[in-house]
Amino acid sequence: MDVETAGERTQPELKRAIGPKLLLFFVIGDILGTGIYALTGSVAGVIGGALWVPFLLAFVVAFLTAFSYLELVGKYPRAAGAALYTHKAFHINFLTFMVTFTVMASGVTSAATAAKAFGDTYLRAFVELPTWAVAAVFIAGLALINFRGVGESVKANLVLTLIELSGLLLIIAVGLYAVARGQGEPSRLVEINTGETGAFLAITAATSLAFFAMVGFEDSVNMAEECVNPVRIFPRAMLTGMAVAVAIYVAVAVLSSMLVPADVLAEAKSSALFRVLEAGAPAFPLTVFAVIGLFAVINSALINMLMASRLLYGMSNERVLPPVFGRVHPGRRTPWVAIVFTSALAIVLVATVDITLLGGTTALLLLAVFTIVNIAVLVLRRDRVEHAHFRAPSWSPWVAMVLCGFLATPLSGRPLSQFLIAGILLVVGAVLWVVNYLVVGKVEIDPSRLGKE
C-alpha cells in the first residue's frame, strides 16, 4: 500500500514472489530457448561439423562471468544488476547509464530475435503472415503477461521451460536412437570450416555467436528484489541452471552434427533442428516440434522483456532515466510504463533487423557489459559488507575479463554489421542521457537506492 513520505506519495515495493525452484527454472528457461532453437544452423555455418565446440567454449566464458555476478548480487541484492555494480565500482554517472541502456537493449534485441524466430520459422509450419503483424501480436501478448505480475510471469516461465525442455530432449532421444541404429557420421565432430580465416577465427567467431545461447543467467540478478532471500538462493540456482543448459546444448550439437551435414544445417538456419528431426525420425510429425518451438521462443522473449522493464524501472528511481519509467501500477504492482516502452522498441527491431544479426548483436552488447562487470568485481573487493555472501575464485574475474573482452572485438571474427547495430543503439542511449540532463539536470546517483523506491 502506498505511504506518504515528506509530502510525496511513494510507489509500492515490488512483490517477493520468486523462491529457489522458480529461480532455477527462470535461469534454465532464459538460457534455453531461442539460442539453440533459432541459431544452431547459423553457428554450424561458421564452425562446420565441430558444432559442439563453440557452445562448450561459450559456456566456459559465461560460467566464469557467473562467478562475478554471484559475488556481486550476494553483496548488493538489488534489481539494477550490472548498472549497480558499475556505479559502485567507478562512480561515473554516464558509464552507469550506458551500461544500463546496453543491458536493456540486449534484452530487447534478444526478445526481438525470439519474435523473429516465432514468425519466420515455427509459425510458418501452420500459416504464413507478415512478420511485423506477428511481432506486434507476439510482443503485445508478452507485455500483458508481464503486466499481470512477476508471480504470474515466472509461473508461466515454469510451464514454458518444461515445454521447451521437452523439445530439446526429443531431439536428443531421436538422435540417440538414430545413432544406435547406425546412422550418423562421427568424423564430422572434428571438422572445422577454416575457409579464408583459419581454424582459430572460425572457432572464435562461432563462439561469439554461440554465446547468445548462453546469455540469460545474468537476467536473474535484475529480479533480485522480487526473490525470497536472494543472497542464499542465487548461487545454487544460477550454477545448476547453467550446468543443465550446457549439458543439453552439447548433446543437441553433437547429435545434430552427426546426423546432418554442416552445410545443410547452415542452409536451414533457424529451422536446423527440423532437419535433425527429419534425419533421425522421418515419420515424426514436424508440426508437433513446431508447436514446441513456438513455446520455446515465447519463453525466451518473456524473460528478456521482464528483465528489460525491471531495469528501466530500477534506474528511473535514481532519475537517470525519466521518472515516468518508474511508475508502478497500484493494483498489479508492476512497472507498466517500462513494459510499454520496451515492448514498442522490440516491435521496431524485429521488423527491421535479420535474426542472425539480432542474435549476434545481443551477444556483443552483453559481452561488453560482462567485461565491465568482471572489472567491477575486482575493484569492489575493497568494499566490505557485513553479511556473508558468495565469493568468486580470485583468478576467475581476470580470466573472464580477458575472454569477454576478446570476444567483444573484431579480432574474434565478429562481423562488423553487429558493431553497426550496437553502435546505433548506444548512440540512442547517449541521446537519451543528454535529453534527461537537459530536462532534469545533473543527477548524482545513490548506489544504495538503485532498483528501490
Protein backbone atom coordinates (compact mmCIF):
# COMPACT_ATOMS: atom_id res chain seq x y z
CA MET A 1 0.00 0.00 0.00
CA ASP A 2 1.26 3.49 -0.82
CA VAL A 3 2.50 5.65 2.02
CA GLU A 4 3.09 9.36 2.38
CA THR A 5 6.71 10.42 2.96
CA ALA A 6 7.79 14.06 3.20
CA GLY A 7 4.63 15.13 1.48
CA GLU A 8 5.19 12.92 -1.53
CA ARG A 9 3.39 9.73 -2.43
CA THR A 10 5.81 6.83 -2.90
CA GLN A 11 5.41 3.82 -5.18
CA PRO A 12 4.62 0.36 -3.75
CA GLU A 13 7.51 -2.08 -3.36
CA LEU A 14 7.96 -4.96 -5.76
CA LYS A 15 6.43 -8.24 -4.61
CA ARG A 16 8.82 -11.00 -3.49
CA ALA A 17 7.33 -13.98 -5.32
CA ILE A 18 10.34 -15.98 -6.58
CA GLY A 19 11.62 -18.88 -4.49
CA PRO A 20 14.60 -21.20 -5.21
CA LYS A 21 12.73 -23.56 -7.55
CA LEU A 22 11.14 -20.79 -9.59
CA LEU A 23 14.52 -19.04 -9.81
CA LEU A 24 16.20 -22.24 -11.03
CA PHE A 25 13.64 -22.65 -13.78
CA PHE A 26 13.90 -18.93 -14.53
CA VAL A 27 17.65 -19.37 -15.21
CA ILE A 28 17.22 -22.59 -17.21
CA GLY A 29 14.33 -21.17 -19.18
CA ASP A 30 16.17 -17.99 -20.04
CA ILE A 31 19.31 -19.80 -21.21
CA LEU A 32 17.47 -22.50 -23.15
CA GLY A 33 15.23 -21.41 -25.96
CA THR A 34 15.92 -19.02 -28.80
CA GLY A 35 19.69 -19.55 -28.90
CA ILE A 36 19.58 -23.30 -29.59
CA TYR A 37 16.21 -23.33 -31.34
CA ALA A 38 16.97 -20.48 -33.74
CA LEU A 39 20.75 -20.15 -34.21
CA THR A 40 22.06 -23.74 -34.44
CA GLY A 41 22.21 -23.51 -38.23
CA SER A 42 23.96 -20.13 -38.15
CA VAL A 43 26.64 -21.45 -35.78
CA ALA A 44 27.14 -24.54 -37.98
CA GLY A 45 27.65 -22.24 -40.97
CA VAL A 46 30.58 -20.58 -39.20
CA ILE A 47 32.30 -23.52 -37.48
CA GLY A 48 31.36 -26.53 -39.61
CA GLY A 49 30.86 -30.02 -38.16
CA ALA A 50 32.54 -29.29 -34.81
CA LEU A 51 29.30 -27.64 -33.74
CA TRP A 52 29.67 -28.61 -30.08
CA VAL A 53 32.95 -26.69 -29.63
CA PRO A 54 31.60 -23.09 -29.69
CA PHE A 55 28.71 -23.99 -27.38
CA LEU A 56 31.11 -25.51 -24.85
CA LEU A 57 33.54 -22.58 -25.08
CA ALA A 58 30.68 -20.10 -24.72
CA PHE A 59 29.66 -21.94 -21.55
CA VAL A 60 33.17 -21.63 -20.09
CA VAL A 61 33.19 -17.86 -20.66
CA ALA A 62 29.67 -17.48 -19.25
CA PHE A 63 30.36 -19.73 -16.26
CA LEU A 64 33.42 -17.72 -15.22
CA THR A 65 31.45 -14.50 -15.55
CA ALA A 66 28.62 -16.01 -13.49
CA PHE A 67 31.05 -16.24 -10.53
CA SER A 68 31.49 -12.47 -10.69
CA TYR A 69 27.75 -11.89 -10.85
CA LEU A 70 27.15 -14.19 -7.89
CA GLU A 71 29.67 -12.36 -5.74
CA LEU A 72 28.13 -9.00 -6.62
CA VAL A 73 24.47 -9.99 -6.27
CA GLY A 74 25.34 -11.51 -2.91
CA LYS A 75 26.88 -8.24 -1.76
CA TYR A 76 24.23 -5.99 -3.35
CA PRO A 77 20.94 -7.92 -3.80
CA ARG A 78 19.05 -5.23 -5.71
CA ALA A 79 17.23 -5.03 -9.02
CA ALA A 80 19.61 -2.84 -11.04
CA GLY A 81 22.22 -5.60 -11.61
CA ALA A 82 25.19 -4.60 -13.77
CA ALA A 83 24.27 -0.93 -13.52
CA LEU A 84 24.53 -1.03 -9.74
CA TYR A 85 27.88 -2.85 -9.83
CA THR A 86 29.28 -0.43 -12.41
CA HIS A 87 28.31 2.63 -10.41
CA LYS A 88 29.57 1.31 -7.10
CA ALA A 89 32.91 0.45 -8.72
CA PHE A 90 33.54 3.55 -10.86
CA HIS A 91 31.11 6.30 -9.71
CA ILE A 92 30.77 7.64 -13.26
CA ASN A 93 27.16 8.53 -13.94
CA PHE A 94 27.44 8.41 -17.72
CA LEU A 95 29.10 4.97 -17.66
CA THR A 96 26.40 3.70 -15.32
CA PHE A 97 23.72 4.99 -17.65
CA MET A 98 25.32 3.45 -20.75
CA VAL A 99 25.72 0.07 -19.06
CA THR A 100 22.08 0.25 -18.03
CA PHE A 101 20.97 1.10 -21.53
CA THR A 102 23.21 -1.60 -23.04
CA VAL A 103 21.77 -4.33 -20.82
CA MET A 104 18.24 -3.12 -21.52
CA ALA A 105 18.97 -3.06 -25.26
CA SER A 106 20.37 -6.59 -25.13
CA GLY A 107 17.17 -7.82 -23.53
CA VAL A 108 15.07 -6.16 -26.18
CA THR A 109 17.23 -7.42 -29.08
CA SER A 110 17.09 -10.91 -27.60
CA ALA A 111 13.30 -10.73 -27.40
CA ALA A 112 13.22 -9.43 -30.97
CA THR A 113 15.32 -12.43 -32.04
CA ALA A 114 12.76 -14.71 -30.44
CA ALA A 115 9.89 -12.86 -32.10
CA LYS A 116 11.64 -13.22 -35.47
CA ALA A 117 12.05 -16.97 -34.98
CA PHE A 118 8.42 -17.19 -33.89
CA GLY A 119 7.09 -15.60 -37.07
CA ASP A 120 9.66 -16.65 -39.66
CA THR A 121 10.26 -20.27 -38.65
CA TYR A 122 7.91 -22.01 -36.24
CA LEU A 123 4.65 -20.26 -37.06
CA ARG A 124 5.26 -20.86 -40.78
CA ALA A 125 4.67 -24.55 -40.17
CA PHE A 126 0.99 -23.61 -39.84
CA VAL A 127 0.40 -20.27 -41.54
CA GLU A 128 2.34 -17.50 -43.28
CA LEU A 129 1.70 -13.99 -42.02
CA PRO A 130 3.59 -10.68 -42.28
CA THR A 131 6.43 -10.63 -39.75
CA TRP A 132 5.56 -7.17 -38.46
CA ALA A 133 1.99 -8.24 -37.70
CA VAL A 134 3.11 -11.42 -35.95
CA ALA A 135 5.71 -9.46 -33.97
CA ALA A 136 3.18 -6.89 -32.82
CA VAL A 137 0.77 -9.52 -31.51
CA PHE A 138 3.61 -11.62 -30.07
CA ILE A 139 5.21 -8.77 -28.12
CA ALA A 140 1.84 -7.36 -27.02
CA GLY A 141 0.88 -10.72 -25.57
CA LEU A 142 4.13 -10.88 -23.62
CA ALA A 143 3.50 -7.37 -22.33
CA LEU A 144 0.13 -8.43 -20.95
CA ILE A 145 1.69 -11.38 -19.09
CA ASN A 146 4.43 -9.09 -17.80
CA PHE A 147 1.86 -6.53 -16.66
CA ARG A 148 -0.17 -9.05 -14.69
CA GLY A 149 2.75 -9.51 -12.32
CA VAL A 150 6.05 -11.26 -11.72
CA GLY A 151 4.37 -14.14 -9.89
CA GLU A 152 2.23 -14.93 -12.92
CA SER A 153 5.18 -14.34 -15.26
CA VAL A 154 7.63 -16.72 -13.57
CA LYS A 155 4.91 -19.35 -13.21
CA ALA A 156 4.24 -19.04 -16.94
CA ASN A 157 8.02 -19.36 -17.35
CA LEU A 158 7.95 -22.65 -15.42
CA VAL A 159 5.36 -24.16 -17.78
CA LEU A 160 7.11 -22.83 -20.90
CA THR A 161 10.51 -24.05 -19.68
CA LEU A 162 9.17 -27.60 -19.30
CA ILE A 163 7.75 -27.41 -22.83
CA GLU A 164 10.95 -26.12 -24.45
CA LEU A 165 12.98 -28.65 -22.46
CA SER A 166 10.78 -31.42 -23.83
CA GLY A 167 11.61 -30.29 -27.38
CA LEU A 168 15.35 -30.49 -26.82
CA LEU A 169 15.02 -33.84 -25.03
CA LEU A 170 13.05 -35.03 -28.07
CA ILE A 171 15.94 -34.06 -30.35
CA ILE A 172 18.37 -35.87 -28.04
CA ALA A 173 16.20 -39.00 -27.85
CA VAL A 174 15.69 -39.13 -31.61
CA GLY A 175 19.39 -38.53 -32.18
CA LEU A 176 20.48 -41.26 -29.79
CA TYR A 177 18.02 -43.71 -31.35
CA ALA A 178 19.26 -42.90 -34.85
CA VAL A 179 22.92 -43.21 -33.86
CA ALA A 180 22.23 -46.51 -32.09
CA ARG A 181 20.76 -47.80 -35.36
CA GLY A 182 23.97 -46.95 -37.22
CA GLN A 183 23.06 -43.51 -38.58
CA GLY A 184 25.36 -40.53 -38.26
CA GLU A 185 28.93 -39.68 -39.11
CA PRO A 186 31.20 -39.22 -36.03
CA SER A 187 34.04 -37.81 -38.12
CA ARG A 188 32.06 -34.58 -38.62
CA LEU A 189 32.54 -33.74 -34.94
CA VAL A 190 36.13 -32.64 -35.56
CA GLU A 191 35.57 -30.86 -38.86
CA ILE A 192 36.26 -27.12 -38.68
CA ASN A 193 35.39 -24.79 -41.53
CA THR A 194 38.73 -23.00 -41.88
CA GLY A 195 37.77 -21.12 -45.06
CA GLU A 196 39.80 -17.95 -45.60
CA THR A 197 40.12 -17.09 -41.91
CA GLY A 198 41.72 -20.23 -40.46
CA ALA A 199 40.61 -22.58 -37.69
CA PHE A 200 41.21 -20.17 -34.81
CA LEU A 201 38.99 -17.40 -36.17
CA ALA A 202 36.36 -19.94 -37.20
CA ILE A 203 36.20 -21.16 -33.61
CA THR A 204 36.20 -17.69 -32.02
CA ALA A 205 33.65 -16.30 -34.48
CA ALA A 206 31.35 -19.26 -33.87
CA THR A 207 31.83 -18.92 -30.12
CA SER A 208 30.94 -15.22 -30.36
CA LEU A 209 27.65 -16.18 -32.00
CA ALA A 210 27.01 -19.25 -29.82
CA PHE A 211 27.44 -17.04 -26.76
CA PHE A 212 23.93 -15.80 -27.46
CA ALA A 213 22.72 -19.27 -26.47
CA MET A 214 24.35 -18.95 -23.03
CA VAL A 215 23.12 -15.49 -22.09
CA GLY A 216 20.24 -15.32 -19.68
CA PHE A 217 21.91 -16.25 -16.41
CA GLU A 218 22.60 -12.54 -15.82
CA ASP A 219 18.92 -11.63 -16.25
CA SER A 220 18.11 -13.24 -12.93
CA VAL A 221 20.10 -10.69 -10.90
CA ASN A 222 17.71 -7.99 -12.13
CA MET A 223 14.92 -9.92 -10.37
CA ALA A 224 16.74 -9.85 -7.01
CA GLU A 225 14.21 -7.55 -5.33
CA GLU A 226 11.45 -9.99 -6.26
CA CYS A 227 13.25 -13.06 -4.85
CA VAL A 228 12.85 -14.55 -1.40
CA ASN A 229 16.26 -14.48 0.35
CA PRO A 230 18.30 -13.77 -2.83
CA VAL A 231 21.72 -13.96 -1.10
CA ARG A 232 21.08 -17.59 -0.18
CA ILE A 233 19.30 -18.96 -3.24
CA PHE A 234 21.22 -17.35 -6.12
CA PRO A 235 24.49 -19.37 -6.22
CA ARG A 236 22.93 -22.82 -6.41
CA ALA A 237 20.13 -21.76 -8.78
CA MET A 238 22.42 -19.96 -11.23
CA LEU A 239 25.25 -22.50 -11.40
CA THR A 240 22.93 -25.51 -11.52
CA GLY A 241 20.82 -23.90 -14.22
CA MET A 242 23.87 -23.16 -16.37
CA ALA A 243 25.22 -26.71 -15.97
CA VAL A 244 21.89 -28.21 -17.04
CA ALA A 245 21.70 -25.90 -20.04
CA VAL A 246 25.18 -26.64 -21.38
CA ALA A 247 24.74 -30.40 -20.99
CA ILE A 248 21.64 -30.19 -23.17
CA TYR A 249 23.33 -27.85 -25.67
CA VAL A 250 26.36 -30.07 -26.17
CA ALA A 251 24.19 -33.18 -26.59
CA VAL A 252 21.99 -31.44 -29.17
CA ALA A 253 25.03 -30.04 -31.01
CA VAL A 254 26.85 -33.39 -31.14
CA LEU A 255 23.83 -35.33 -32.39
CA SER A 256 22.86 -32.62 -34.88
CA SER A 257 26.32 -32.63 -36.40
CA MET A 258 26.46 -36.42 -36.60
CA LEU A 259 23.06 -36.74 -38.31
CA VAL A 260 23.08 -33.73 -40.65
CA PRO A 261 25.99 -32.24 -42.63
CA ALA A 262 27.04 -28.77 -41.54
CA ASP A 263 26.20 -27.18 -44.90
CA VAL A 264 22.63 -28.49 -44.67
CA LEU A 265 22.28 -27.13 -41.12
CA ALA A 266 23.70 -23.79 -42.25
CA GLU A 267 21.30 -23.55 -45.18
CA ALA A 268 18.36 -24.32 -42.89
CA LYS A 269 19.36 -21.51 -40.47
CA SER A 270 16.66 -21.15 -37.80
CA SER A 271 14.93 -24.36 -38.92
CA ALA A 272 18.06 -26.51 -38.50
CA LEU A 273 16.52 -28.65 -35.76
CA PHE A 274 13.73 -29.59 -38.16
CA ARG A 275 16.39 -31.14 -40.42
CA VAL A 276 17.80 -33.09 -37.46
CA LEU A 277 14.36 -34.43 -36.62
CA GLU A 278 13.73 -35.38 -40.26
CA ALA A 279 17.04 -37.25 -40.43
CA GLY A 280 16.56 -39.15 -37.18
CA ALA A 281 12.81 -39.82 -37.31
CA PRO A 282 11.36 -39.18 -40.78
CA ALA A 283 7.87 -40.25 -39.70
CA PHE A 284 7.69 -37.86 -36.75
CA PRO A 285 5.20 -35.01 -37.39
CA LEU A 286 7.16 -31.78 -37.67
CA THR A 287 4.14 -29.75 -36.61
CA VAL A 288 4.48 -31.15 -33.09
CA PHE A 289 8.03 -29.84 -32.86
CA ALA A 290 6.91 -26.55 -34.39
CA VAL A 291 4.45 -26.09 -31.53
CA ILE A 292 7.23 -26.77 -29.02
CA GLY A 293 9.47 -24.29 -30.83
CA LEU A 294 6.78 -21.64 -30.61
CA PHE A 295 6.60 -22.04 -26.84
CA ALA A 296 10.41 -22.05 -26.57
CA VAL A 297 10.87 -18.69 -28.23
CA ILE A 298 7.90 -17.26 -26.32
CA ASN A 299 9.65 -18.22 -23.09
CA SER A 300 12.94 -16.57 -24.06
CA ALA A 301 11.19 -13.39 -25.10
CA LEU A 302 9.08 -13.28 -21.93
CA ILE A 303 12.07 -13.44 -19.60
CA ASN A 304 14.05 -10.87 -21.57
CA MET A 305 11.16 -8.44 -21.56
CA LEU A 306 10.78 -8.97 -17.82
CA MET A 307 14.44 -8.09 -17.33
CA ALA A 308 14.41 -5.04 -19.61
CA SER A 309 11.35 -3.49 -17.97
CA ARG A 310 12.68 -4.06 -14.43
CA LEU A 311 16.00 -2.50 -15.36
CA LEU A 312 14.36 0.66 -16.65
CA TYR A 313 12.25 0.74 -13.50
CA GLY A 314 15.31 0.48 -11.26
CA MET A 315 17.24 3.26 -12.98
CA SER A 316 14.29 5.63 -13.22
CA ASN A 317 14.13 5.63 -9.43
CA GLU A 318 17.50 7.39 -9.49
CA ARG A 319 16.28 9.87 -12.14
CA VAL A 320 18.97 8.67 -14.56
CA LEU A 321 16.02 7.87 -16.79
CA PRO A 322 12.86 9.99 -16.70
CA PRO A 323 10.79 9.22 -13.57
CA VAL A 324 7.89 8.06 -15.73
CA PHE A 325 9.67 4.70 -16.27
CA GLY A 326 9.48 4.06 -12.53
CA ARG A 327 5.70 4.19 -12.34
CA VAL A 328 4.25 1.08 -10.73
CA HIS A 329 0.64 0.06 -11.31
CA PRO A 330 -1.10 0.28 -7.90
CA GLY A 331 -3.16 -2.86 -8.47
CA ARG A 332 -0.72 -5.18 -10.28
CA ARG A 333 2.45 -3.70 -8.67
CA THR A 334 4.35 -3.91 -11.96
CA PRO A 335 6.33 -1.19 -13.81
CA TRP A 336 3.76 -0.64 -16.56
CA VAL A 337 5.36 2.32 -18.37
CA ALA A 338 8.68 0.47 -18.70
CA ILE A 339 6.80 -2.55 -20.04
CA VAL A 340 5.09 -0.47 -22.73
CA PHE A 341 8.34 1.24 -23.80
CA THR A 342 10.44 -1.93 -24.12
CA SER A 343 7.63 -3.71 -25.97
CA ALA A 344 7.38 -0.94 -28.55
CA LEU A 345 11.16 -0.97 -29.10
CA ALA A 346 11.15 -4.75 -29.62
CA ILE A 347 8.47 -4.48 -32.29
CA VAL A 348 10.54 -1.95 -34.23
CA LEU A 349 13.68 -4.12 -34.11
CA VAL A 350 12.00 -7.32 -35.20
CA ALA A 351 10.57 -5.60 -38.26
CA THR A 352 13.91 -4.18 -39.41
CA VAL A 353 16.84 -6.49 -38.50
CA ASP A 354 17.86 -10.03 -39.57
CA ILE A 355 17.65 -12.80 -36.95
CA THR A 356 21.35 -13.76 -37.06
CA LEU A 357 22.33 -10.11 -36.75
CA LEU A 358 19.95 -9.67 -33.81
CA GLY A 359 21.40 -12.69 -32.01
CA GLY A 360 24.99 -11.63 -32.63
CA THR A 361 24.30 -8.07 -31.54
CA THR A 362 22.71 -9.32 -28.33
CA ALA A 363 25.85 -11.33 -27.54
CA LEU A 364 28.11 -8.38 -28.43
CA LEU A 365 26.25 -5.99 -26.13
CA LEU A 366 26.35 -8.41 -23.22
CA LEU A 367 30.00 -9.34 -23.71
CA ALA A 368 30.88 -5.64 -23.40
CA VAL A 369 28.84 -5.43 -20.19
CA PHE A 370 30.36 -8.66 -18.84
CA THR A 371 33.85 -7.23 -19.39
CA ILE A 372 32.94 -4.22 -17.24
CA VAL A 373 31.30 -6.40 -14.55
CA ASN A 374 34.40 -8.60 -14.30
CA ILE A 375 36.50 -5.48 -13.77
CA ALA A 376 33.97 -4.15 -11.26
CA VAL A 377 34.11 -7.25 -9.06
CA LEU A 378 37.88 -6.77 -8.73
CA VAL A 379 37.51 -3.08 -7.84
CA LEU A 380 34.74 -3.83 -5.32
CA ARG A 381 36.79 -6.40 -3.43
CA ARG A 382 37.79 -3.37 -1.31
CA ASP A 383 34.14 -2.75 -0.36
CA ARG A 384 33.26 -4.93 2.62
CA VAL A 385 29.69 -5.78 3.62
CA GLU A 386 28.50 -7.09 6.96
CA HIS A 387 26.57 -10.12 5.73
CA ALA A 388 28.07 -13.37 4.39
CA HIS A 389 27.94 -13.85 0.62
CA PHE A 390 29.37 -15.87 -2.28
CA ARG A 391 32.97 -15.02 -3.25
CA ALA A 392 34.35 -15.84 -6.69
CA PRO A 393 37.75 -17.56 -7.02
CA SER A 394 40.48 -14.90 -7.06
CA TRP A 395 41.57 -15.77 -10.61
CA SER A 396 38.19 -16.13 -12.33
CA PRO A 397 37.34 -12.42 -12.86
CA TRP A 398 40.72 -11.86 -14.54
CA VAL A 399 40.28 -14.74 -16.96
CA ALA A 400 36.65 -13.88 -17.65
CA MET A 401 37.54 -10.23 -18.28
CA VAL A 402 40.12 -11.17 -20.94
CA LEU A 403 37.86 -13.73 -22.65
CA CYS A 404 34.77 -11.49 -22.72
CA GLY A 405 36.81 -8.52 -23.91
CA PHE A 406 38.34 -10.52 -26.74
CA LEU A 407 35.02 -11.93 -27.94
CA ALA A 408 33.59 -8.40 -28.00
CA THR A 409 36.19 -7.15 -30.51
CA PRO A 410 36.55 -7.58 -34.29
CA LEU A 411 39.65 -9.72 -33.57
CA SER A 412 37.30 -12.59 -32.68
CA GLY A 413 35.95 -12.67 -36.24
CA ARG A 414 32.68 -10.97 -35.32
CA PRO A 415 31.01 -9.31 -38.35
CA LEU A 416 31.24 -5.52 -38.46
CA SER A 417 27.48 -5.28 -39.08
CA GLN A 418 26.92 -6.29 -35.45
CA PHE A 419 29.05 -3.37 -34.30
CA LEU A 420 27.00 -1.08 -36.51
CA ILE A 421 23.67 -2.12 -34.93
CA ALA A 422 25.17 -1.99 -31.44
CA GLY A 423 26.64 1.43 -32.18
CA ILE A 424 23.28 2.78 -33.31
CA LEU A 425 21.64 1.54 -30.12
CA LEU A 426 24.36 3.09 -27.97
CA VAL A 427 24.02 6.41 -29.78
CA VAL A 428 20.31 6.31 -28.95
CA GLY A 429 21.29 5.74 -25.33
CA ALA A 430 23.69 8.68 -25.35
CA VAL A 431 20.97 10.92 -26.81
CA LEU A 432 18.59 9.86 -24.03
CA TRP A 433 21.26 10.76 -21.49
CA VAL A 434 21.59 14.26 -22.97
CA VAL A 435 17.81 14.72 -23.08
CA ASN A 436 17.48 13.64 -19.45
CA TYR A 437 20.30 16.00 -18.47
CA LEU A 438 18.62 18.93 -20.22
CA VAL A 439 15.25 18.19 -18.62
CA VAL A 440 16.26 17.05 -15.14
CA GLY A 441 19.75 18.46 -14.81
CA LYS A 442 22.82 16.81 -13.33
CA VAL A 443 21.89 13.73 -11.30
CA GLU A 444 24.07 12.18 -8.62
CA ILE A 445 23.17 8.51 -8.44
CA ASP A 446 22.90 6.96 -5.00
CA PRO A 447 24.01 3.32 -5.49
CA SER A 448 22.27 2.24 -2.29
CA ARG A 449 18.91 3.12 -3.85
CA LEU A 450 19.27 1.59 -7.31
CA GLY A 451 16.27 -0.59 -8.03
CA LYS A 452 14.48 0.58 -4.91
CA GLU A 453 11.78 3.13 -4.16
